[in-house]
């Protein structure tokens, strides 16, 4: 699966997912830096399967109907690697069932 990591996700997180067998790029690596979510999703469609973010508000900012990309939101206590790392196993499992147009959250919910 091809994953695009949002700018708010520490760059090193992509290696945790690459170890899980996924093809990973950051927004910066892809040349999409500074784009608003609507434009970012439009650019990413067709090149990536999932946008991985820690931005909890994206769920309320984007209508995913008809999109050919999914969003995985990791909800750690902070954007520190040590807070994100424990949620990676659940995120890897969640990716197996994620479909285009879906938004799925893992981590600290509620």
PDB file of N, CA and C in Angstrom:
ATOM      1  N   UNK A   1       0.853  -1.169   0.000  1.00  0.00           N
ATOM      2  CA  UNK A   1       0.000   0.000   0.000  1.00  0.00           C
ATOM      3  C   UNK A   1       0.901   1.235   0.000  1.00  0.00           C
ATOM      4  N   UNK A   2       0.487   2.264  -0.736  1.00  0.00           N
ATOM      5  CA  UNK A   2       1.267   3.504  -0.811  1.00  0.00           C
ATOM      6  C   UNK A   2       0.701   4.519   0.179  1.00  0.00           C
ATOM      7  N   UNK A   3       1.554   4.939   1.117  1.00  0.00           N
ATOM      8  CA  UNK A   3       1.136   5.840   2.180  1.00  0.00           C
ATOM      9  C   UNK A   3       1.812   7.195   2.032  1.00  0.00           C
ATOM     10  N   UNK A   4       1.028   8.248   2.236  1.00  0.00           N
ATOM     11  CA  UNK A   4       1.537   9.616   2.234  1.00  0.00           C
ATOM     12  C   UNK A   4       1.399  10.154   3.650  1.00  0.00           C
ATOM     13  N   UNK A   5       2.497  10.622   4.229  1.00  0.00           N
ATOM     14  CA  UNK A   5       2.496  11.117   5.601  1.00  0.00           C
ATOM     15  C   UNK A   5       2.395  12.632   5.621  1.00  0.00           C
ATOM     16  N   UNK A   6       1.381  13.111   6.317  1.00  0.00           N
ATOM     17  CA  UNK A   6       1.096  14.531   6.449  1.00  0.00           C
ATOM     18  C   UNK A   6       2.279  15.262   7.093  1.00  0.00           C
ATOM     19  N   UNK A   7       2.333  16.568   6.861  1.00  0.00           N
ATOM     20  CA  UNK A   7       3.418  17.385   7.406  1.00  0.00           C
ATOM     21  C   UNK A   7       3.451  17.403   8.932  1.00  0.00           C
ATOM     22  N   UNK A   8       2.321  17.166   9.577  1.00  0.00           N
ATOM     23  CA  UNK A   8       2.273  17.199  11.046  1.00  0.00           C
ATOM     24  C   UNK A   8       2.781  15.907  11.681  1.00  0.00           C
ATOM     25  N   UNK A   9       3.068  14.907  10.867  1.00  0.00           N
ATOM     26  CA  UNK A   9       3.581  13.627  11.366  1.00  0.00           C
ATOM     27  C   UNK A   9       5.114  13.669  11.292  1.00  0.00           C
ATOM     28  N   UNK A  10       5.804  13.326  12.374  1.00  0.00           N
ATOM     29  CA  UNK A  10       7.270  13.305  12.316  1.00  0.00           C
ATOM     30  C   UNK A  10       7.763  12.432  11.161  1.00  0.00           C
ATOM     31  N   UNK A  11       8.760  12.921  10.445  1.00  0.00           N
ATOM     32  CA  UNK A  11       9.258  12.245   9.240  1.00  0.00           C
ATOM     33  C   UNK A  11       9.687  10.793   9.494  1.00  0.00           C
ATOM     34  N   UNK A  12      10.236  10.512  10.655  1.00  0.00           N
ATOM     35  CA  UNK A  12      10.743   9.167  10.945  1.00  0.00           C
ATOM     36  C   UNK A  12       9.636   8.131  11.100  1.00  0.00           C
ATOM     37  N   UNK A  13       8.400   8.568  11.294  1.00  0.00           N
ATOM     38  CA  UNK A  13       7.282   7.626  11.441  1.00  0.00           C
ATOM     39  C   UNK A  13       7.130   6.775  10.184  1.00  0.00           C
ATOM     40  N   UNK A  14       7.456   7.339   9.032  1.00  0.00           N
ATOM     41  CA  UNK A  14       7.298   6.582   7.783  1.00  0.00           C
ATOM     42  C   UNK A  14       8.107   5.289   7.794  1.00  0.00           C
ATOM     43  N   UNK A  15       9.234   5.278   8.502  1.00  0.00           N
ATOM     44  CA  UNK A  15      10.061   4.071   8.546  1.00  0.00           C
ATOM     45  C   UNK A  15       9.389   2.948   9.339  1.00  0.00           C
ATOM     46  N   UNK A  16       8.588   3.306  10.326  1.00  0.00           N
ATOM     47  CA  UNK A  16       7.847   2.295  11.090  1.00  0.00           C
ATOM     48  C   UNK A  16       6.825   1.587  10.205  1.00  0.00           C
ATOM     49  N   UNK A  17       6.224   2.325   9.278  1.00  0.00           N
ATOM     50  CA  UNK A  17       5.246   1.748   8.360  1.00  0.00           C
ATOM     51  C   UNK A  17       5.938   1.030   7.204  1.00  0.00           C
ATOM     52  N   UNK A  18       7.086   1.532   6.782  1.00  0.00           N
ATOM     53  CA  UNK A  18       7.853   0.860   5.729  1.00  0.00           C
ATOM     54  C   UNK A  18       8.299  -0.515   6.218  1.00  0.00           C
ATOM     55  N   UNK A  19       8.650  -0.608   7.504  1.00  0.00           N
ATOM     56  CA  UNK A  19       9.015  -1.906   8.083  1.00  0.00           C
ATOM     57  C   UNK A  19       7.838  -2.874   8.055  1.00  0.00           C
ATOM     58  N   UNK A  20       6.623  -2.338   7.995  1.00  0.00           N
ATOM     59  CA  UNK A  20       5.414  -3.153   7.898  1.00  0.00           C
ATOM     60  C   UNK A  20       5.071  -3.528   6.464  1.00  0.00           C
ATOM     61  N   UNK A  21       5.942  -3.182   5.517  1.00  0.00           N
ATOM     62  CA  UNK A  21       5.755  -3.583   4.128  1.00  0.00           C
ATOM     63  C   UNK A  21       5.087  -2.561   3.230  1.00  0.00           C
ATOM     64  N   UNK A  22       4.947  -1.331   3.696  1.00  0.00           N
ATOM     65  CA  UNK A  22       4.270  -0.304   2.908  1.00  0.00           C
ATOM     66  C   UNK A  22       5.271   0.627   2.228  1.00  0.00           C
ATOM     67  N   UNK A  23       4.852   1.170   1.100  1.00  0.00           N
ATOM     68  CA  UNK A  23       5.631   2.167   0.377  1.00  0.00           C
ATOM     69  C   UNK A  23       5.270   3.527   0.974  1.00  0.00           C
ATOM     70  N   UNK A  24       6.249   4.259   1.491  1.00  0.00           N
ATOM     71  CA  UNK A  24       5.957   5.457   2.280  1.00  0.00           C
ATOM     72  C   UNK A  24       6.702   6.686   1.775  1.00  0.00           C
ATOM     73  N   UNK A  25       5.979   7.807   1.753  1.00  0.00           N
ATOM     74  CA  UNK A  25       6.561   9.100   1.403  1.00  0.00           C
ATOM     75  C   UNK A  25       5.944  10.163   2.290  1.00  0.00           C
ATOM     76  N   UNK A  26       6.717  11.189   2.580  1.00  0.00           N
ATOM     77  CA  UNK A  26       6.150  12.324   3.302  1.00  0.00           C
ATOM     78  C   UNK A  26       5.597  13.320   2.291  1.00  0.00           C
ATOM     79  N   UNK A  27       4.748  14.212   2.764  1.00  0.00           N
ATOM     80  CA  UNK A  27       4.214  15.272   1.904  1.00  0.00           C
ATOM     81  C   UNK A  27       5.370  16.059   1.295  1.00  0.00           C
ATOM     82  N   UNK A  28       6.380  16.310   2.108  1.00  0.00           N
ATOM     83  CA  UNK A  28       7.552  17.052   1.623  1.00  0.00           C
ATOM     84  C   UNK A  28       8.278  16.280   0.523  1.00  0.00           C
ATOM     85  N   UNK A  29       8.499  14.971   0.741  1.00  0.00           N
ATOM     86  CA  UNK A  29       9.167  14.132  -0.267  1.00  0.00           C
ATOM     87  C   UNK A  29       8.411  14.148  -1.593  1.00  0.00           C
ATOM     88  N   UNK A  30       7.085  14.167  -1.501  1.00  0.00           N
ATOM     89  CA  UNK A  30       6.238  14.124  -2.698  1.00  0.00           C
ATOM     90  C   UNK A  30       6.134  15.479  -3.390  1.00  0.00           C
ATOM     91  N   UNK A  31       6.649  16.533  -2.756  1.00  0.00           N
ATOM     92  CA  UNK A  31       6.583  17.871  -3.347  1.00  0.00           C
ATOM     93  C   UNK A  31       5.258  18.568  -3.116  1.00  0.00           C
ATOM     94  N   UNK A  32       4.513  18.142  -2.093  1.00  0.00           N
ATOM     95  CA  UNK A  32       3.186  18.704  -1.819  1.00  0.00           C
ATOM     96  C   UNK A  32       3.173  19.619  -0.594  1.00  0.00           C
ATOM     97  N   UNK A  33       4.314  20.064  -0.128  1.00  0.00           N
ATOM     98  CA  UNK A  33       4.386  20.890   1.086  1.00  0.00           C
ATOM     99  C   UNK A  33       3.528  22.137   0.978  1.00  0.00           C
ATOM    100  N   UNK A  34       2.909  22.496   2.106  1.00  0.00           N
ATOM    101  CA  UNK A  34       2.162  23.744   2.194  1.00  0.00           C
ATOM    102  C   UNK A  34       0.770  23.715   1.596  1.00  0.00           C
ATOM    103  N   UNK A  35       0.327  22.584   1.104  1.00  0.00           N
ATOM    104  CA  UNK A  35      -1.004  22.494   0.488  1.00  0.00           C
ATOM    105  C   UNK A  35      -2.084  22.324   1.553  1.00  0.00           C
ATOM    106  N   UNK A  36      -3.230  22.956   1.333  1.00  0.00           N
ATOM    107  CA  UNK A  36      -4.401  22.736   2.183  1.00  0.00           C
ATOM    108  C   UNK A  36      -4.903  21.320   1.901  1.00  0.00           C
ATOM    109  N   UNK A  37      -5.674  20.757   2.845  1.00  0.00           N
ATOM    110  CA  UNK A  37      -6.083  19.360   2.713  1.00  0.00           C
ATOM    111  C   UNK A  37      -6.837  19.047   1.423  1.00  0.00           C
ATOM    112  N   UNK A  38      -7.739  19.899   0.993  1.00  0.00           N
ATOM    113  CA  UNK A  38      -8.482  19.624  -0.235  1.00  0.00           C
ATOM    114  C   UNK A  38      -7.557  19.471  -1.429  1.00  0.00           C
ATOM    115  N   UNK A  39      -6.631  20.411  -1.576  1.00  0.00           N
ATOM    116  CA  UNK A  39      -5.661  20.358  -2.672  1.00  0.00           C
ATOM    117  C   UNK A  39      -4.708  19.179  -2.499  1.00  0.00           C
ATOM    118  N   UNK A  40      -4.305  18.925  -1.266  1.00  0.00           N
ATOM    119  CA  UNK A  40      -3.396  17.813  -0.993  1.00  0.00           C
ATOM    120  C   UNK A  40      -4.028  16.477  -1.374  1.00  0.00           C
ATOM    121  N   UNK A  41      -5.274  16.278  -0.987  1.00  0.00           N
ATOM    122  CA  UNK A  41      -5.964  15.031  -1.324  1.00  0.00           C
ATOM    123  C   UNK A  41      -6.125  14.884  -2.834  1.00  0.00           C
ATOM    124  N   UNK A  42      -6.447  15.977  -3.518  1.00  0.00           N
ATOM    125  CA  UNK A  42      -6.598  15.931  -4.977  1.00  0.00           C
ATOM    126  C   UNK A  42      -5.274  15.555  -5.646  1.00  0.00           C
ATOM    127  N   UNK A  43      -4.173  16.115  -5.164  1.00  0.00           N
ATOM    128  CA  UNK A  43      -2.856  15.788  -5.721  1.00  0.00           C
ATOM    129  C   UNK A  43      -2.456  14.344  -5.410  1.00  0.00           C
ATOM    130  N   UNK A  44      -2.799  13.888  -4.217  1.00  0.00           N
ATOM    131  CA  UNK A  44      -2.376  12.560  -3.768  1.00  0.00           C
ATOM    132  C   UNK A  44      -3.167  11.426  -4.412  1.00  0.00           C
ATOM    133  N   UNK A  45      -4.426  11.689  -4.761  1.00  0.00           N
ATOM    134  CA  UNK A  45      -5.252  10.646  -5.389  1.00  0.00           C
ATOM    135  C   UNK A  45      -4.574  10.151  -6.663  1.00  0.00           C
ATOM    136  N   UNK A  46      -4.593   8.863  -6.846  1.00  0.00           N
ATOM    137  CA  UNK A  46      -3.972   8.286  -8.031  1.00  0.00           C
ATOM    138  C   UNK A  46      -2.505   7.953  -7.828  1.00  0.00           C
ATOM    139  N   UNK A  47      -1.903   8.541  -6.789  1.00  0.00           N
ATOM    140  CA  UNK A  47      -0.500   8.255  -6.486  1.00  0.00           C
ATOM    141  C   UNK A  47      -0.343   7.513  -5.162  1.00  0.00           C
ATOM    142  N   UNK A  48      -1.291   7.742  -4.249  1.00  0.00           N
ATOM    143  CA  UNK A  48      -1.231   7.157  -2.908  1.00  0.00           C
ATOM    144  C   UNK A  48      -2.577   6.538  -2.557  1.00  0.00           C
ATOM    145  N   UNK A  49      -2.546   5.556  -1.665  1.00  0.00           N
ATOM    146  CA  UNK A  49      -3.773   4.908  -1.201  1.00  0.00           C
ATOM    147  C   UNK A  49      -4.324   5.557   0.064  1.00  0.00           C
ATOM    148  N   UNK A  50      -3.414   6.045   0.920  1.00  0.00           N
ATOM    149  CA  UNK A  50      -3.823   6.550   2.233  1.00  0.00           C
ATOM    150  C   UNK A  50      -2.986   7.768   2.615  1.00  0.00           C
ATOM    151  N   UNK A  51      -3.661   8.780   3.163  1.00  0.00           N
ATOM    152  CA  UNK A  51      -2.986   9.898   3.820  1.00  0.00           C
ATOM    153  C   UNK A  51      -2.967   9.575   5.307  1.00  0.00           C
ATOM    154  N   UNK A  52      -1.787   9.554   5.902  1.00  0.00           N
ATOM    155  CA  UNK A  52      -1.634   9.297   7.333  1.00  0.00           C
ATOM    156  C   UNK A  52      -1.375  10.632   8.020  1.00  0.00           C
ATOM    157  N   UNK A  53      -2.180  10.936   9.035  1.00  0.00           N
ATOM    158  CA  UNK A  53      -2.064  12.214   9.729  1.00  0.00           C
ATOM    159  C   UNK A  53      -2.288  12.028  11.224  1.00  0.00           C
ATOM    160  N   UNK A  54      -1.948  13.048  11.993  1.00  0.00           N
ATOM    161  CA  UNK A  54      -2.315  13.081  13.409  1.00  0.00           C
ATOM    162  C   UNK A  54      -3.275  14.239  13.664  1.00  0.00           C
ATOM    163  N   UNK A  55      -3.725  14.885  12.599  1.00  0.00           N
ATOM    164  CA  UNK A  55      -4.658  16.013  12.700  1.00  0.00           C
ATOM    165  C   UNK A  55      -6.075  15.481  12.896  1.00  0.00           C
ATOM    166  N   UNK A  56      -6.571  15.598  14.106  1.00  0.00           N
ATOM    167  CA  UNK A  56      -7.899  15.069  14.443  1.00  0.00           C
ATOM    168  C   UNK A  56      -9.026  15.829  13.751  1.00  0.00           C
ATOM    169  N   UNK A  57      -8.766  17.051  13.326  1.00  0.00           N
ATOM    170  CA  UNK A  57      -9.817  17.888  12.739  1.00  0.00           C
ATOM    171  C   UNK A  57     -10.079  17.602  11.267  1.00  0.00           C
ATOM    172  N   UNK A  58      -9.200  16.868  10.613  1.00  0.00           N
ATOM    173  CA  UNK A  58      -9.389  16.613   9.183  1.00  0.00           C
ATOM    174  C   UNK A  58     -10.729  15.924   8.925  1.00  0.00           C
ATOM    175  N   UNK A  59     -11.179  15.122   9.864  1.00  0.00           N
ATOM    176  CA  UNK A  59     -12.470  14.428   9.738  1.00  0.00           C
ATOM    177  C   UNK A  59     -13.608  15.418   9.487  1.00  0.00           C
ATOM    178  N   UNK A  60     -13.523  16.588  10.094  1.00  0.00           N
ATOM    179  CA  UNK A  60     -14.592  17.590   9.999  1.00  0.00           C
ATOM    180  C   UNK A  60     -14.353  18.596   8.874  1.00  0.00           C
ATOM    181  N   UNK A  61     -13.166  18.566   8.290  1.00  0.00           N
ATOM    182  CA  UNK A  61     -12.805  19.526   7.255  1.00  0.00           C
ATOM    183  C   UNK A  61     -12.973  18.986   5.839  1.00  0.00           C
ATOM    184  N   UNK A  62     -13.018  17.672   5.686  1.00  0.00           N
ATOM    185  CA  UNK A  62     -13.022  17.086   4.350  1.00  0.00           C
ATOM    186  C   UNK A  62     -14.199  16.150   4.130  1.00  0.00           C
ATOM    187  N   UNK A  63     -14.842  16.313   2.987  1.00  0.00           N
ATOM    188  CA  UNK A  63     -15.870  15.376   2.543  1.00  0.00           C
ATOM    189  C   UNK A  63     -15.156  14.332   1.690  1.00  0.00           C
ATOM    190  N   UNK A  64     -15.166  13.102   2.124  1.00  0.00           N
ATOM    191  CA  UNK A  64     -14.425  12.050   1.435  1.00  0.00           C
ATOM    192  C   UNK A  64     -15.269  11.293   0.412  1.00  0.00           C
ATOM    193  N   UNK A  65     -16.525  11.663   0.258  1.00  0.00           N
ATOM    194  CA  UNK A  65     -17.398  11.000  -0.704  1.00  0.00           C
ATOM    195  C   UNK A  65     -16.788  11.078  -2.103  1.00  0.00           C
ATOM    196  N   UNK A  66     -16.637   9.933  -2.737  1.00  0.00           N
ATOM    197  CA  UNK A  66     -16.114   9.872  -4.094  1.00  0.00           C
ATOM    198  C   UNK A  66     -14.601   9.956  -4.198  1.00  0.00           C
ATOM    199  N   UNK A  67     -13.913  10.080  -3.092  1.00  0.00           N
ATOM    200  CA  UNK A  67     -12.447  10.161  -3.117  1.00  0.00           C
ATOM    201  C   UNK A  67     -11.843   8.777  -3.352  1.00  0.00           C
ATOM    202  N   UNK A  68     -10.717   8.759  -4.057  1.00  0.00           N
ATOM    203  CA  UNK A  68      -9.993   7.517  -4.318  1.00  0.00           C
ATOM    204  C   UNK A  68      -8.780   7.379  -3.407  1.00  0.00           C
ATOM    205  N   UNK A  69      -8.877   7.978  -2.240  1.00  0.00           N
ATOM    206  CA  UNK A  69      -7.826   7.902  -1.232  1.00  0.00           C
ATOM    207  C   UNK A  69      -8.526   7.819   0.120  1.00  0.00           C
ATOM    208  N   UNK A  70      -7.890   7.188   1.076  1.00  0.00           N
ATOM    209  CA  UNK A  70      -8.432   7.094   2.435  1.00  0.00           C
ATOM    210  C   UNK A  70      -7.559   7.924   3.369  1.00  0.00           C
ATOM    211  N   UNK A  71      -8.062   8.150   4.581  1.00  0.00           N
ATOM    212  CA  UNK A  71      -7.298   8.875   5.597  1.00  0.00           C
ATOM    213  C   UNK A  71      -7.219   8.018   6.849  1.00  0.00           C
ATOM    214  N   UNK A  72      -6.014   7.868   7.364  1.00  0.00           N
ATOM    215  CA  UNK A  72      -5.794   7.198   8.642  1.00  0.00           C
ATOM    216  C   UNK A  72      -5.313   8.252   9.630  1.00  0.00           C
ATOM    217  N   UNK A  73      -6.087   8.442  10.697  1.00  0.00           N
ATOM    218  CA  UNK A  73      -5.726   9.403  11.735  1.00  0.00           C
ATOM    219  C   UNK A  73      -5.169   8.624  12.919  1.00  0.00           C
ATOM    220  N   UNK A  74      -3.929   8.926  13.269  1.00  0.00           N
ATOM    221  CA  UNK A  74      -3.329   8.351  14.468  1.00  0.00           C
ATOM    222  C   UNK A  74      -3.507   9.389  15.567  1.00  0.00           C
ATOM    223  N   UNK A  75      -4.067   8.959  16.692  1.00  0.00           N
ATOM    224  CA  UNK A  75      -4.346   9.890  17.785  1.00  0.00           C
ATOM    225  C   UNK A  75      -3.455   9.591  18.988  1.00  0.00           C
ATOM    226  N   UNK A  76      -2.219  10.087  18.964  1.00  0.00           N
ATOM    227  CA  UNK A  76      -1.323   9.919  20.108  1.00  0.00           C
ATOM    228  C   UNK A  76      -1.541  11.045  21.126  1.00  0.00           C
ATOM    229  N   UNK A  77      -0.873  10.941  22.269  1.00  0.00           N
ATOM    230  CA  UNK A  77      -0.950  12.003  23.274  1.00  0.00           C
ATOM    231  C   UNK A  77      -0.267  13.275  22.774  1.00  0.00           C
ATOM    232  N   UNK A  78       0.762  13.115  21.922  1.00  0.00           N
ATOM    233  CA  UNK A  78       1.467  14.256  21.322  1.00  0.00           C
ATOM    234  C   UNK A  78       2.041  13.797  19.989  1.00  0.00           C
ATOM    235  N   UNK A  79       2.708  14.691  19.276  1.00  0.00           N
ATOM    236  CA  UNK A  79       3.300  14.286  18.000  1.00  0.00           C
ATOM    237  C   UNK A  79       4.744  13.801  18.168  1.00  0.00           C
ATOM    238  N   UNK A  80       5.108  13.427  19.373  1.00  0.00           N
ATOM    239  CA  UNK A  80       6.423  12.872  19.661  1.00  0.00           C
ATOM    240  C   UNK A  80       6.461  11.397  19.231  1.00  0.00           C
ATOM    241  N   UNK A  81       7.599  10.990  18.675  1.00  0.00           N
ATOM    242  CA  UNK A  81       7.752   9.602  18.206  1.00  0.00           C
ATOM    243  C   UNK A  81       7.407   8.587  19.297  1.00  0.00           C
ATOM    244  N   UNK A  82       7.807   8.869  20.534  1.00  0.00           N
ATOM    245  CA  UNK A  82       7.550   7.928  21.627  1.00  0.00           C
ATOM    246  C   UNK A  82       6.064   7.785  21.926  1.00  0.00           C
ATOM    247  N   UNK A  83       5.270   8.805  21.609  1.00  0.00           N
ATOM    248  CA  UNK A  83       3.819   8.724  21.794  1.00  0.00           C
ATOM    249  C   UNK A  83       3.126   8.079  20.597  1.00  0.00           C
ATOM    250  N   UNK A  84       3.713   8.199  19.421  1.00  0.00           N
ATOM    251  CA  UNK A  84       3.122   7.632  18.201  1.00  0.00           C
ATOM    252  C   UNK A  84       3.424   6.136  18.080  1.00  0.00           C
ATOM    253  N   UNK A  85       4.648   5.757  18.392  1.00  0.00           N
ATOM    254  CA  UNK A  85       5.115   4.372  18.195  1.00  0.00           C
ATOM    255  C   UNK A  85       4.166   3.299  18.747  1.00  0.00           C
ATOM    256  N   UNK A  86       3.595   3.438  19.958  1.00  0.00           N
ATOM    257  CA  UNK A  86       2.709   2.383  20.471  1.00  0.00           C
ATOM    258  C   UNK A  86       1.435   2.167  19.644  1.00  0.00           C
ATOM    259  N   UNK A  87       1.068   3.150  18.827  1.00  0.00           N
ATOM    260  CA  UNK A  87      -0.154   3.044  18.027  1.00  0.00           C
ATOM    261  C   UNK A  87       0.089   2.459  16.631  1.00  0.00           C
ATOM    262  N   UNK A  88       1.346   2.292  16.265  1.00  0.00           N
ATOM    263  CA  UNK A  88       1.669   1.796  14.924  1.00  0.00           C
ATOM    264  C   UNK A  88       1.133   0.384  14.682  1.00  0.00           C
ATOM    265  N   UNK A  89       1.260  -0.571  15.608  1.00  0.00           N
ATOM    266  CA  UNK A  89       0.695  -1.904  15.332  1.00  0.00           C
ATOM    267  C   UNK A  89      -0.800  -1.862  15.014  1.00  0.00           C
ATOM    268  N   UNK A  90      -1.575  -1.080  15.762  1.00  0.00           N
ATOM    269  CA  UNK A  90      -3.011  -0.961  15.473  1.00  0.00           C
ATOM    270  C   UNK A  90      -3.245  -0.252  14.145  1.00  0.00           C
ATOM    271  N   UNK A  91      -2.406   0.713  13.828  1.00  0.00           N
ATOM    272  CA  UNK A  91      -2.531   1.418  12.552  1.00  0.00           C
ATOM    273  C   UNK A  91      -2.262   0.469  11.387  1.00  0.00           C
ATOM    274  N   UNK A  92      -1.263  -0.391  11.534  1.00  0.00           N
ATOM    275  CA  UNK A  92      -0.955  -1.360  10.479  1.00  0.00           C
ATOM    276  C   UNK A  92      -2.113  -2.328  10.264  1.00  0.00           C
ATOM    277  N   UNK A  93      -2.757  -2.742  11.336  1.00  0.00           N
ATOM    278  CA  UNK A  93      -3.934  -3.614  11.222  1.00  0.00           C
ATOM    279  C   UNK A  93      -5.072  -2.855  10.548  1.00  0.00           C
ATOM    280  N   UNK A  94      -5.289  -1.611  10.941  1.00  0.00           N
ATOM    281  CA  UNK A  94      -6.373  -0.799  10.372  1.00  0.00           C
ATOM    282  C   UNK A  94      -6.202  -0.605   8.868  1.00  0.00           C
ATOM    283  N   UNK A  95      -4.975  -0.482   8.414  1.00  0.00           N
ATOM    284  CA  UNK A  95      -4.729  -0.291   6.981  1.00  0.00           C
ATOM    285  C   UNK A  95      -5.257  -1.455   6.149  1.00  0.00           C
ATOM    286  N   UNK A  96      -5.299  -2.638   6.722  1.00  0.00           N
ATOM    287  CA  UNK A  96      -5.754  -3.823   5.993  1.00  0.00           C
ATOM    288  C   UNK A  96      -7.220  -3.735   5.587  1.00  0.00           C
ATOM    289  N   UNK A  97      -8.015  -2.982   6.333  1.00  0.00           N
ATOM    290  CA  UNK A  97      -9.447  -2.899   6.029  1.00  0.00           C
ATOM    291  C   UNK A  97      -9.874  -1.531   5.498  1.00  0.00           C
ATOM    292  N   UNK A  98      -8.952  -0.602   5.408  1.00  0.00           N
ATOM    293  CA  UNK A  98      -9.273   0.756   4.971  1.00  0.00           C
ATOM    294  C   UNK A  98      -9.570   0.794   3.476  1.00  0.00           C
ATOM    295  N   UNK A  99     -10.667   1.438   3.120  1.00  0.00           N
ATOM    296  CA  UNK A  99     -11.113   1.542   1.720  1.00  0.00           C
ATOM    297  C   UNK A  99     -11.062   3.000   1.267  1.00  0.00           C
ATOM    298  N   UNK A 100     -10.926   3.244  -0.038  1.00  0.00           N
ATOM    299  CA  UNK A 100     -10.946   4.621  -0.542  1.00  0.00           C
ATOM    300  C   UNK A 100     -12.199   5.360  -0.071  1.00  0.00           C
ATOM    301  N   UNK A 101     -12.011   6.607   0.316  1.00  0.00           N
ATOM    302  CA  UNK A 101     -13.122   7.427   0.783  1.00  0.00           C
ATOM    303  C   UNK A 101     -13.386   7.326   2.273  1.00  0.00           C
ATOM    304  N   UNK A 102     -12.735   6.390   2.948  1.00  0.00           N
ATOM    305  CA  UNK A 102     -12.943   6.207   4.385  1.00  0.00           C
ATOM    306  C   UNK A 102     -11.958   7.035   5.203  1.00  0.00           C
ATOM    307  N   UNK A 103     -12.388   7.374   6.417  1.00  0.00           N
ATOM    308  CA  UNK A 103     -11.516   7.963   7.427  1.00  0.00           C
ATOM    309  C   UNK A 103     -11.575   7.034   8.630  1.00  0.00           C
ATOM    310  N   UNK A 104     -10.426   6.615   9.099  1.00  0.00           N
ATOM    311  CA  UNK A 104     -10.354   5.710  10.238  1.00  0.00           C
ATOM    312  C   UNK A 104      -9.383   6.284  11.259  1.00  0.00           C
ATOM    313  N   UNK A 105      -9.730   6.153  12.532  1.00  0.00           N
ATOM    314  CA  UNK A 105      -8.887   6.660  13.612  1.00  0.00           C
ATOM    315  C   UNK A 105      -8.400   5.516  14.482  1.00  0.00           C
ATOM    316  N   UNK A 106      -7.137   5.598  14.897  1.00  0.00           N
ATOM    317  CA  UNK A 106      -6.566   4.668  15.862  1.00  0.00           C
ATOM    318  C   UNK A 106      -5.834   5.485  16.920  1.00  0.00           C
ATOM    319  N   UNK A 107      -5.714   4.918  18.100  1.00  0.00           N
ATOM    320  CA  UNK A 107      -4.991   5.612  19.158  1.00  0.00           C
ATOM    321  C   UNK A 107      -5.910   5.994  20.292  1.00  0.00           C
ATOM    322  N   UNK A 108      -5.629   7.130  20.903  1.00  0.00           N
ATOM    323  CA  UNK A 108      -6.395   7.613  22.049  1.00  0.00           C
ATOM    324  C   UNK A 108      -7.682   8.235  21.534  1.00  0.00           C
ATOM    325  N   UNK A 109      -8.789   7.541  21.715  1.00  0.00           N
ATOM    326  CA  UNK A 109     -10.076   8.014  21.208  1.00  0.00           C
ATOM    327  C   UNK A 109     -10.910   8.546  22.359  1.00  0.00           C
ATOM    328  N   UNK A 110     -11.733   9.528  22.029  1.00  0.00           N
ATOM    329  CA  UNK A 110     -12.628  10.056  23.051  1.00  0.00           C
ATOM    330  C   UNK A 110     -12.235  11.396  23.575  1.00  0.00           C
TER     331      UNK A 110
END
